[in-house]
Amino acid sequence: MNSVSNRLQNLPISSIRKLIPRADLAKKAGVKIYHLNLGQPDVKSPDVMIEAVQNWNQNPIPYAPSGGTMEYLTALKTYYHTIGFDFIKTEMILGTIAGSEAINMAMFATCEPGDEIIVFEPFYSSYLTSAKLWGVTLVPVSTHIEDGFHLPQREMIEVAITNKTKAILYSSPANPTGVIYSQDEIKRLVEIVKKHNLFLIADEVYREYIFIDETHTSILEFMQEIPEQAVLIDSLSKRYNLCGARLGNLVTMNIELLNGSLKFAMSRLSGGLIDQHIGAQLVHVPQEYIQGIQQEYRLRRDVMFEGLNSIKGVKVTLPEGAFYIMAELPVKDAEQFCIWLLQEFRDSNETVMLAPGYGFYVDPEKGKRQVRIAYVLEVPQLKRSLEILKKALAVYDH
């Protein structure tokens, strides 16, 4: 019998989802699990988007255009104009099947097999899977809890550049750390890519989740300065709590890159027509909806940070955005601790599920004692989760 390909066997398993079968077994046994592993918000989607589904009457349902419906692209253009970037045109936007596909497109469009992309670790774990798919090597530049996971000095970034480097990829607000890069930090990256003729790929899917006073600095502020090098990855999944609708987009002024990515989009025919109709309603979502999300998640952030900070041996830094926090635990192996939580530890027949931190690093050893926690539950559930975690750490045999 033929064996499957080596590249299939070498694809990394998501540390975020790897332990789900163990969680399912616990649930079958009647255990209640507080899910802090998945970045899946529990806030309701906007009413106007739900109504768009309820009022759908097109039958049959045809393919959508490969690059996105004009209704969806126009709505995205309107959104970017609203947040201050009125130079954005629909011709610069490609509709994608969530931000994940936009990441795949960006890597495929900028790199040949064997090329390198600089990332700042810890980074979103799916970057590594996408890189493996296309034969791209991620070159990590370390950031640290002690510095709030902010970028190192320019020299520390430039030393990672080789003749195989094609791009720098970053997220801000960041998954998994919650850091928001300042304007000076983004300028630093812009200067580096200008000097070394690299692409700059910015993942901004958490743009509305900001808990600091200064405004978010977008790559769009620099796109006209580096029009051939800047690529924006965006998504509606978190902004409007539409994870299951799979709505994303890529924005660039590089027409060759955009047209090439359209060929990528044609290979999968189209995104969902109904999904894009839902997404197009973003122009009717009241600003109060976004403001409500910001207030709710700032409260959750504060509860999670204060709770973790009060547990002996836990090391954290205050997240500035998104809805994640990377925590270093007083354990030798965080994955084994996460497995133990699911398989053995119970407090009133309840436990918590976390994402082991190793999956957010190129070298798994660097994240061996860390976990990513998504504070996507309501405050009473977060407080209960923290209570369970504190009790678990107190009795765990490290």
Foldseek 3Di string as FASTA:
>chain_A
DDDDDPLVVPQDDALLCPCVVLLVVLVVVVFAAAEQSDQFFPDAFFPVLVVLVVPDDDPPFDFAFLQAHPLLLVLVQVVCVVVPQNVFDSLQKGKDQFLLVVLLLVDQLFAAQPAEEEEEPLADLVNRSSCSVRNYHYQYQYADQVVLREDDDLVSRVVSDDPRYAEYEYEACGPPAQAAYDPVRVVSRVVVCVVVVHAYEYEYAFLLFFADDDHGDDCSVCCVVVQQRYKYKYGCCPQRSPVVLRIIMMGGNNSVSVVVSSVVSVVVPHGGPSSSSSSSCPVVRDPVVSVVVNVQLSVLQVLLVVLQVPAPAKRWHRRRTDFKTKIFHPDQFVSVLQSCQSNPDADPSYGYHWRQQLSSDPHSNVRRRMTMTGSNDGNVSSNVHSVRVSVSSVPDDD
